[in-house]
């Protein structure tokens, strides 16, 4: 499902226009993005939790040349599915 498909689905289920659904979907995604950028987590009961994980610096091998290189530490987004989502997939 693409973002366009999601907007169409929201519009159909909420009986609103696609433009209004697009604004709503963008608002939700922006809210999640802004919360994660501050280092906080977003919990949607029954769906899952979005959070930020810290990856330590590590040494790896460059695939093309085989030379060793150091990858810096960084923060990455993380999602853990909730029980309701896991049960619906099974």
PDB file of N, CA and C in Angstrom:
ATOM      1  N   UNK A   1       0.857  -1.178   0.000  1.00  0.00           N
ATOM      2  CA  UNK A   1       0.000   0.000   0.000  1.00  0.00           C
ATOM      3  C   UNK A   1       0.896   1.231   0.000  1.00  0.00           C
ATOM      4  N   UNK A   2       0.598   2.139  -0.887  1.00  0.00           N
ATOM      5  CA  UNK A   2       1.347   3.389  -0.959  1.00  0.00           C
ATOM      6  C   UNK A   2       0.611   4.463  -0.155  1.00  0.00           C
ATOM      7  N   UNK A   3       1.251   5.611  -0.020  1.00  0.00           N
ATOM      8  CA  UNK A   3       0.614   6.720   0.698  1.00  0.00           C
ATOM      9  C   UNK A   3      -0.674   7.133  -0.011  1.00  0.00           C
ATOM     10  N   UNK A   4      -0.658   7.119  -1.331  1.00  0.00           N
ATOM     11  CA  UNK A   4      -1.839   7.471  -2.118  1.00  0.00           C
ATOM     12  C   UNK A   4      -2.986   6.494  -1.829  1.00  0.00           C
ATOM     13  N   UNK A   5      -2.657   5.202  -1.732  1.00  0.00           N
ATOM     14  CA  UNK A   5      -3.663   4.186  -1.409  1.00  0.00           C
ATOM     15  C   UNK A   5      -4.216   4.395   0.000  1.00  0.00           C
ATOM     16  N   UNK A   6      -3.329   4.732   0.934  1.00  0.00           N
ATOM     17  CA  UNK A   6      -3.746   4.973   2.310  1.00  0.00           C
ATOM     18  C   UNK A   6      -4.711   6.166   2.383  1.00  0.00           C
ATOM     19  N   UNK A   7      -4.395   7.216   1.663  1.00  0.00           N
ATOM     20  CA  UNK A   7      -5.261   8.400   1.636  1.00  0.00           C
ATOM     21  C   UNK A   7      -6.634   8.041   1.069  1.00  0.00           C
ATOM     22  N   UNK A   8      -6.660   7.249   0.009  1.00  0.00           N
ATOM     23  CA  UNK A   8      -7.932   6.825  -0.581  1.00  0.00           C
ATOM     24  C   UNK A   8      -8.726   5.972   0.405  1.00  0.00           C
ATOM     25  N   UNK A   9      -8.047   5.101   1.124  1.00  0.00           N
ATOM     26  CA  UNK A   9      -8.702   4.247   2.121  1.00  0.00           C
ATOM     27  C   UNK A   9      -9.300   5.087   3.251  1.00  0.00           C
ATOM     28  N   UNK A  10      -8.546   6.057   3.749  1.00  0.00           N
ATOM     29  CA  UNK A  10      -9.040   6.940   4.814  1.00  0.00           C
ATOM     30  C   UNK A  10     -10.234   7.744   4.308  1.00  0.00           C
ATOM     31  N   UNK A  11     -10.145   8.248   3.099  1.00  0.00           N
ATOM     32  CA  UNK A  11     -11.243   9.036   2.532  1.00  0.00           C
ATOM     33  C   UNK A  11     -12.525   8.207   2.426  1.00  0.00           C
ATOM     34  N   UNK A  12     -12.401   6.965   1.975  1.00  0.00           N
ATOM     35  CA  UNK A  12     -13.571   6.097   1.830  1.00  0.00           C
ATOM     36  C   UNK A  12     -14.185   5.748   3.190  1.00  0.00           C
ATOM     37  N   UNK A  13     -13.339   5.379   4.147  1.00  0.00           N
ATOM     38  CA  UNK A  13     -13.844   4.947   5.458  1.00  0.00           C
ATOM     39  C   UNK A  13     -14.388   6.091   6.291  1.00  0.00           C
ATOM     40  N   UNK A  14     -13.805   7.276   6.176  1.00  0.00           N
ATOM     41  CA  UNK A  14     -14.243   8.421   6.977  1.00  0.00           C
ATOM     42  C   UNK A  14     -15.283   9.263   6.241  1.00  0.00           C
ATOM     43  N   UNK A  15     -15.571   8.882   4.999  1.00  0.00           N
ATOM     44  CA  UNK A  15     -16.522   9.616   4.163  1.00  0.00           C
ATOM     45  C   UNK A  15     -16.168  11.103   4.060  1.00  0.00           C
ATOM     46  N   UNK A  16     -14.902  11.347   3.730  1.00  0.00           N
ATOM     47  CA  UNK A  16     -14.391  12.695   3.502  1.00  0.00           C
ATOM     48  C   UNK A  16     -13.705  12.717   2.142  1.00  0.00           C
ATOM     49  N   UNK A  17     -13.348  13.903   1.692  1.00  0.00           N
ATOM     50  CA  UNK A  17     -12.674  14.005   0.395  1.00  0.00           C
ATOM     51  C   UNK A  17     -11.240  13.513   0.509  1.00  0.00           C
ATOM     52  N   UNK A  18     -10.659  13.190  -0.633  1.00  0.00           N
ATOM     53  CA  UNK A  18      -9.263  12.746  -0.642  1.00  0.00           C
ATOM     54  C   UNK A  18      -8.331  13.865  -0.181  1.00  0.00           C
ATOM     55  N   UNK A  19      -8.688  15.106  -0.492  1.00  0.00           N
ATOM     56  CA  UNK A  19      -7.871  16.241  -0.059  1.00  0.00           C
ATOM     57  C   UNK A  19      -7.856  16.322   1.465  1.00  0.00           C
ATOM     58  N   UNK A  20      -9.029  16.184   2.090  1.00  0.00           N
ATOM     59  CA  UNK A  20      -9.112  16.218   3.551  1.00  0.00           C
ATOM     60  C   UNK A  20      -8.385  15.020   4.160  1.00  0.00           C
ATOM     61  N   UNK A  21      -8.531  13.854   3.538  1.00  0.00           N
ATOM     62  CA  UNK A  21      -7.844  12.658   4.030  1.00  0.00           C
ATOM     63  C   UNK A  21      -6.329  12.822   3.910  1.00  0.00           C
ATOM     64  N   UNK A  22      -5.874  13.441   2.817  1.00  0.00           N
ATOM     65  CA  UNK A  22      -4.433  13.689   2.645  1.00  0.00           C
ATOM     66  C   UNK A  22      -3.894  14.597   3.730  1.00  0.00           C
ATOM     67  N   UNK A  23      -4.660  15.617   4.084  1.00  0.00           N
ATOM     68  CA  UNK A  23      -4.245  16.530   5.154  1.00  0.00           C
ATOM     69  C   UNK A  23      -4.168  15.776   6.482  1.00  0.00           C
ATOM     70  N   UNK A  24      -5.157  14.913   6.730  1.00  0.00           N
ATOM     71  CA  UNK A  24      -5.179  14.146   7.979  1.00  0.00           C
ATOM     72  C   UNK A  24      -4.011  13.166   8.056  1.00  0.00           C
ATOM     73  N   UNK A  25      -3.757  12.446   6.980  1.00  0.00           N
ATOM     74  CA  UNK A  25      -2.649  11.479   6.962  1.00  0.00           C
ATOM     75  C   UNK A  25      -1.320  12.208   7.142  1.00  0.00           C
ATOM     76  N   UNK A  26      -1.135  13.326   6.442  1.00  0.00           N
ATOM     77  CA  UNK A  26       0.098  14.107   6.587  1.00  0.00           C
ATOM     78  C   UNK A  26       0.269  14.613   8.015  1.00  0.00           C
ATOM     79  N   UNK A  27      -0.831  15.022   8.651  1.00  0.00           N
ATOM     80  CA  UNK A  27      -0.766  15.513  10.034  1.00  0.00           C
ATOM     81  C   UNK A  27      -0.330  14.411  10.986  1.00  0.00           C
ATOM     82  N   UNK A  28      -0.861  13.202  10.792  1.00  0.00           N
ATOM     83  CA  UNK A  28      -0.477  12.070  11.646  1.00  0.00           C
ATOM     84  C   UNK A  28       1.007  11.738  11.453  1.00  0.00           C
ATOM     85  N   UNK A  29       1.425  11.640  10.203  1.00  0.00           N
ATOM     86  CA  UNK A  29       2.825  11.295   9.925  1.00  0.00           C
ATOM     87  C   UNK A  29       3.782  12.377  10.424  1.00  0.00           C
ATOM     88  N   UNK A  30       3.416  13.645  10.261  1.00  0.00           N
ATOM     89  CA  UNK A  30       4.248  14.740  10.767  1.00  0.00           C
ATOM     90  C   UNK A  30       4.334  14.703  12.287  1.00  0.00           C
ATOM     91  N   UNK A  31       3.215  14.390  12.933  1.00  0.00           N
ATOM     92  CA  UNK A  31       3.218  14.287  14.388  1.00  0.00           C
ATOM     93  C   UNK A  31       4.153  13.195  14.883  1.00  0.00           C
ATOM     94  N   UNK A  32       4.120  12.046  14.219  1.00  0.00           N
ATOM     95  CA  UNK A  32       5.021  10.943  14.581  1.00  0.00           C
ATOM     96  C   UNK A  32       6.467  11.351  14.340  1.00  0.00           C
ATOM     97  N   UNK A  33       6.723  11.954  13.178  1.00  0.00           N
ATOM     98  CA  UNK A  33       8.088  12.366  12.816  1.00  0.00           C
ATOM     99  C   UNK A  33       8.641  13.401  13.800  1.00  0.00           C
ATOM    100  N   UNK A  34       7.825  14.401  14.149  1.00  0.00           N
ATOM    101  CA  UNK A  34       8.271  15.446  15.070  1.00  0.00           C
ATOM    102  C   UNK A  34       8.528  14.891  16.467  1.00  0.00           C
ATOM    103  N   UNK A  35       7.684  13.985  16.918  1.00  0.00           N
ATOM    104  CA  UNK A  35       7.874  13.380  18.238  1.00  0.00           C
ATOM    105  C   UNK A  35       9.157  12.558  18.277  1.00  0.00           C
ATOM    106  N   UNK A  36       9.415  11.772  17.231  1.00  0.00           N
ATOM    107  CA  UNK A  36      10.633  10.966  17.185  1.00  0.00           C
ATOM    108  C   UNK A  36      11.876  11.838  17.084  1.00  0.00           C
ATOM    109  N   UNK A  37      11.782  12.958  16.367  1.00  0.00           N
ATOM    110  CA  UNK A  37      12.950  13.841  16.232  1.00  0.00           C
ATOM    111  C   UNK A  37      13.351  14.446  17.563  1.00  0.00           C
ATOM    112  N   UNK A  38      12.408  14.529  18.503  1.00  0.00           N
ATOM    113  CA  UNK A  38      12.706  15.029  19.849  1.00  0.00           C
ATOM    114  C   UNK A  38      13.201  13.925  20.774  1.00  0.00           C
ATOM    115  N   UNK A  39      13.260  12.682  20.268  1.00  0.00           N
ATOM    116  CA  UNK A  39      13.743  11.562  21.060  1.00  0.00           C
ATOM    117  C   UNK A  39      12.665  10.877  21.885  1.00  0.00           C
ATOM    118  N   UNK A  40      11.402  11.243  21.674  1.00  0.00           N
ATOM    119  CA  UNK A  40      10.299  10.636  22.416  1.00  0.00           C
ATOM    120  C   UNK A  40       9.712   9.483  21.616  1.00  0.00           C
ATOM    121  N   UNK A  41       8.796   8.716  22.240  1.00  0.00           N
ATOM    122  CA  UNK A  41       8.170   7.617  21.530  1.00  0.00           C
ATOM    123  C   UNK A  41       6.683   7.869  21.344  1.00  0.00           C
ATOM    124  N   UNK A  42       6.113   7.190  20.361  1.00  0.00           N
ATOM    125  CA  UNK A  42       4.690   7.295  20.050  1.00  0.00           C
ATOM    126  C   UNK A  42       4.090   5.908  20.216  1.00  0.00           C
ATOM    127  N   UNK A  43       3.123   5.771  21.126  1.00  0.00           N
ATOM    128  CA  UNK A  43       2.468   4.486  21.366  1.00  0.00           C
ATOM    129  C   UNK A  43       1.035   4.548  20.870  1.00  0.00           C
ATOM    130  N   UNK A  44       0.687   3.637  19.983  1.00  0.00           N
ATOM    131  CA  UNK A  44      -0.671   3.501  19.486  1.00  0.00           C
ATOM    132  C   UNK A  44      -1.178   2.141  19.972  1.00  0.00           C
ATOM    133  N   UNK A  45      -2.000   2.147  21.013  1.00  0.00           N
ATOM    134  CA  UNK A  45      -2.456   0.923  21.655  1.00  0.00           C
ATOM    135  C   UNK A  45      -3.140   0.022  20.628  1.00  0.00           C
ATOM    136  N   UNK A  46      -2.730  -1.237  20.597  1.00  0.00           N
ATOM    137  CA  UNK A  46      -3.282  -2.207  19.663  1.00  0.00           C
ATOM    138  C   UNK A  46      -2.580  -2.212  18.319  1.00  0.00           C
ATOM    139  N   UNK A  47      -1.802  -1.178  18.032  1.00  0.00           N
ATOM    140  CA  UNK A  47      -1.096  -1.102  16.754  1.00  0.00           C
ATOM    141  C   UNK A  47       0.403  -1.298  16.945  1.00  0.00           C
ATOM    142  N   UNK A  48       1.024  -0.444  17.767  1.00  0.00           N
ATOM    143  CA  UNK A  48       2.459  -0.574  17.991  1.00  0.00           C
ATOM    144  C   UNK A  48       3.070   0.688  18.542  1.00  0.00           C
ATOM    145  N   UNK A  49       4.393   0.656  18.692  1.00  0.00           N
ATOM    146  CA  UNK A  49       5.137   1.770  19.268  1.00  0.00           C
ATOM    147  C   UNK A  49       6.273   2.164  18.338  1.00  0.00           C
ATOM    148  N   UNK A  50       6.326   3.451  18.025  1.00  0.00           N
ATOM    149  CA  UNK A  50       7.444   4.027  17.279  1.00  0.00           C
ATOM    150  C   UNK A  50       8.403   4.620  18.294  1.00  0.00           C
ATOM    151  N   UNK A  51       9.702   4.353  18.137  1.00  0.00           N
ATOM    152  CA  UNK A  51      10.691   4.901  19.063  1.00  0.00           C
ATOM    153  C   UNK A  51      11.992   5.163  18.311  1.00  0.00           C
ATOM    154  N   UNK A  52      12.960   5.718  19.034  1.00  0.00           N
ATOM    155  CA  UNK A  52      14.275   5.993  18.467  1.00  0.00           C
ATOM    156  C   UNK A  52      15.290   5.109  19.170  1.00  0.00           C
ATOM    157  N   UNK A  53      16.087   4.400  18.400  1.00  0.00           N
ATOM    158  CA  UNK A  53      17.148   3.548  18.954  1.00  0.00           C
ATOM    159  C   UNK A  53      18.498   4.154  18.585  1.00  0.00           C
ATOM    160  N   UNK A  54      19.467   3.975  19.472  1.00  0.00           N
ATOM    161  CA  UNK A  54      20.819   4.468  19.206  1.00  0.00           C
ATOM    162  C   UNK A  54      21.683   3.299  18.742  1.00  0.00           C
ATOM    163  N   UNK A  55      22.294   3.447  17.582  1.00  0.00           N
ATOM    164  CA  UNK A  55      23.242   2.447  17.092  1.00  0.00           C
ATOM    165  C   UNK A  55      24.643   2.910  17.419  1.00  0.00           C
ATOM    166  N   UNK A  56      25.436   2.020  17.990  1.00  0.00           N
ATOM    167  CA  UNK A  56      26.826   2.343  18.318  1.00  0.00           C
ATOM    168  C   UNK A  56      27.657   2.387  17.038  1.00  0.00           C
ATOM    169  N   UNK A  57      28.792   3.052  17.120  1.00  0.00           N
ATOM    170  CA  UNK A  57      29.732   3.064  16.000  1.00  0.00           C
ATOM    171  C   UNK A  57      30.262   1.644  15.818  1.00  0.00           C
ATOM    172  N   UNK A  58      30.530   1.287  14.574  1.00  0.00           N
ATOM    173  CA  UNK A  58      31.009  -0.064  14.316  1.00  0.00           C
ATOM    174  C   UNK A  58      31.982  -0.066  13.146  1.00  0.00           C
ATOM    175  N   UNK A  59      32.744  -1.145  13.055  1.00  0.00           N
ATOM    176  CA  UNK A  59      33.681  -1.323  11.967  1.00  0.00           C
ATOM    177  C   UNK A  59      33.098  -2.339  11.008  1.00  0.00           C
ATOM    178  N   UNK A  60      33.149  -2.034   9.731  1.00  0.00           N
ATOM    179  CA  UNK A  60      32.622  -2.938   8.720  1.00  0.00           C
ATOM    180  C   UNK A  60      33.558  -3.016   7.540  1.00  0.00           C
ATOM    181  N   UNK A  61      33.160  -3.801   6.561  1.00  0.00           N
ATOM    182  CA  UNK A  61      33.966  -3.986   5.357  1.00  0.00           C
ATOM    183  C   UNK A  61      33.200  -3.411   4.170  1.00  0.00           C
ATOM    184  N   UNK A  62      33.888  -2.573   3.391  1.00  0.00           N
ATOM    185  CA  UNK A  62      33.287  -1.987   2.191  1.00  0.00           C
ATOM    186  C   UNK A  62      33.162  -3.099   1.147  1.00  0.00           C
ATOM    187  N   UNK A  63      31.950  -3.365   0.645  1.00  0.00           N
ATOM    188  CA  UNK A  63      31.743  -4.505  -0.243  1.00  0.00           C
ATOM    189  C   UNK A  63      32.589  -4.496  -1.521  1.00  0.00           C
ATOM    190  N   UNK A  64      32.744  -3.366  -2.149  1.00  0.00           N
ATOM    191  CA  UNK A  64      33.458  -3.317  -3.427  1.00  0.00           C
ATOM    192  C   UNK A  64      34.943  -3.593  -3.316  1.00  0.00           C
ATOM    193  N   UNK A  65      35.607  -2.959  -2.350  1.00  0.00           N
ATOM    194  CA  UNK A  65      37.060  -3.048  -2.274  1.00  0.00           C
ATOM    195  C   UNK A  65      37.553  -3.958  -1.162  1.00  0.00           C
ATOM    196  N   UNK A  66      36.698  -4.277  -0.202  1.00  0.00           N
ATOM    197  CA  UNK A  66      37.116  -5.127   0.916  1.00  0.00           C
ATOM    198  C   UNK A  66      37.854  -4.360   1.997  1.00  0.00           C
ATOM    199  N   UNK A  67      37.999  -3.036   1.847  1.00  0.00           N
ATOM    200  CA  UNK A  67      38.702  -2.261   2.869  1.00  0.00           C
ATOM    201  C   UNK A  67      37.814  -2.060   4.092  1.00  0.00           C
ATOM    202  N   UNK A  68      38.465  -1.972   5.250  1.00  0.00           N
ATOM    203  CA  UNK A  68      37.727  -1.763   6.486  1.00  0.00           C
ATOM    204  C   UNK A  68      37.395  -0.285   6.642  1.00  0.00           C
ATOM    205  N   UNK A  69      36.193  -0.024   7.130  1.00  0.00           N
ATOM    206  CA  UNK A  69      35.803   1.354   7.378  1.00  0.00           C
ATOM    207  C   UNK A  69      34.991   1.421   8.659  1.00  0.00           C
ATOM    208  N   UNK A  70      34.963   2.595   9.265  1.00  0.00           N
ATOM    209  CA  UNK A  70      34.221   2.793  10.494  1.00  0.00           C
ATOM    210  C   UNK A  70      32.920   3.501  10.182  1.00  0.00           C
ATOM    211  N   UNK A  71      31.817   2.904  10.632  1.00  0.00           N
ATOM    212  CA  UNK A  71      30.498   3.515  10.495  1.00  0.00           C
ATOM    213  C   UNK A  71      30.204   4.267  11.786  1.00  0.00           C
ATOM    214  N   UNK A  72      29.809   5.526  11.701  1.00  0.00           N
ATOM    215  CA  UNK A  72      29.594   6.328  12.908  1.00  0.00           C
ATOM    216  C   UNK A  72      28.329   5.909  13.667  1.00  0.00           C
ATOM    217  N   UNK A  73      28.268   6.301  14.933  1.00  0.00           N
ATOM    218  CA  UNK A  73      27.078   6.075  15.735  1.00  0.00           C
ATOM    219  C   UNK A  73      25.952   6.957  15.200  1.00  0.00           C
ATOM    220  N   UNK A  74      24.727   6.476  15.329  1.00  0.00           N
ATOM    221  CA  UNK A  74      23.604   7.280  14.858  1.00  0.00           C
ATOM    222  C   UNK A  74      22.311   6.810  15.508  1.00  0.00           C
ATOM    223  N   UNK A  75      21.306   7.668  15.447  1.00  0.00           N
ATOM    224  CA  UNK A  75      19.981   7.325  15.927  1.00  0.00           C
ATOM    225  C   UNK A  75      19.138   6.882  14.734  1.00  0.00           C
ATOM    226  N   UNK A  76      18.342   5.822  14.919  1.00  0.00           N
ATOM    227  CA  UNK A  76      17.502   5.309  13.849  1.00  0.00           C
ATOM    228  C   UNK A  76      16.082   5.091  14.372  1.00  0.00           C
ATOM    229  N   UNK A  77      15.083   5.261  13.505  1.00  0.00           N
ATOM    230  CA  UNK A  77      13.710   4.993  13.936  1.00  0.00           C
ATOM    231  C   UNK A  77      13.490   3.495  14.100  1.00  0.00           C
ATOM    232  N   UNK A  78      12.601   3.138  15.030  1.00  0.00           N
ATOM    233  CA  UNK A  78      12.322   1.734  15.319  1.00  0.00           C
ATOM    234  C   UNK A  78      10.820   1.572  15.534  1.00  0.00           C
ATOM    235  N   UNK A  79      10.257   0.468  15.070  1.00  0.00           N
ATOM    236  CA  UNK A  79       8.836   0.186  15.276  1.00  0.00           C
ATOM    237  C   UNK A  79       8.688  -1.198  15.875  1.00  0.00           C
ATOM    238  N   UNK A  80       7.897  -1.286  16.938  1.00  0.00           N
ATOM    239  CA  UNK A  80       7.593  -2.575  17.551  1.00  0.00           C
ATOM    240  C   UNK A  80       6.089  -2.774  17.446  1.00  0.00           C
ATOM    241  N   UNK A  81       5.683  -3.830  16.754  1.00  0.00           N
ATOM    242  CA  UNK A  81       4.261  -4.104  16.539  1.00  0.00           C
ATOM    243  C   UNK A  81       3.584  -4.477  17.852  1.00  0.00           C
ATOM    244  N   UNK A  82       2.363  -3.994  18.015  1.00  0.00           N
ATOM    245  CA  UNK A  82       1.567  -4.315  19.192  1.00  0.00           C
ATOM    246  C   UNK A  82       0.829  -5.630  19.014  1.00  0.00           C
ATOM    247  N   UNK A  83       0.221  -6.102  20.104  1.00  0.00           N
ATOM    248  CA  UNK A  83      -0.464  -7.391  20.084  1.00  0.00           C
ATOM    249  C   UNK A  83      -1.605  -7.412  19.070  1.00  0.00           C
ATOM    250  N   UNK A  84      -2.388  -6.352  18.995  1.00  0.00           N
ATOM    251  CA  UNK A  84      -3.504  -6.312  18.042  1.00  0.00           C
ATOM    252  C   UNK A  84      -3.052  -6.443  16.613  1.00  0.00           C
ATOM    253  N   UNK A  85      -1.949  -5.788  16.259  1.00  0.00           N
ATOM    254  CA  UNK A  85      -1.416  -5.868  14.893  1.00  0.00           C
ATOM    255  C   UNK A  85      -0.865  -7.262  14.620  1.00  0.00           C
ATOM    256  N   UNK A  86      -0.133  -7.805  15.592  1.00  0.00           N
ATOM    257  CA  UNK A  86       0.429  -9.155  15.420  1.00  0.00           C
ATOM    258  C   UNK A  86      -0.679 -10.176  15.237  1.00  0.00           C
ATOM    259  N   UNK A  87      -1.747 -10.072  16.037  1.00  0.00           N
ATOM    260  CA  UNK A  87      -2.845 -11.036  15.941  1.00  0.00           C
ATOM    261  C   UNK A  87      -3.580 -10.924  14.607  1.00  0.00           C
ATOM    262  N   UNK A  88      -3.691  -9.708  14.061  1.00  0.00           N
ATOM    263  CA  UNK A  88      -4.408  -9.536  12.796  1.00  0.00           C
ATOM    264  C   UNK A  88      -3.611 -10.062  11.613  1.00  0.00           C
ATOM    265  N   UNK A  89      -2.305 -10.143  11.744  1.00  0.00           N
ATOM    266  CA  UNK A  89      -1.461 -10.635  10.656  1.00  0.00           C
ATOM    267  C   UNK A  89      -1.455 -12.155  10.624  1.00  0.00           C
ATOM    268  N   UNK A  90      -1.567 -12.782  11.770  1.00  0.00           N
ATOM    269  CA  UNK A  90      -1.555 -14.245  11.821  1.00  0.00           C
ATOM    270  C   UNK A  90      -2.776 -14.782  11.227  1.00  0.00           C
TER     271      UNK A  90
END
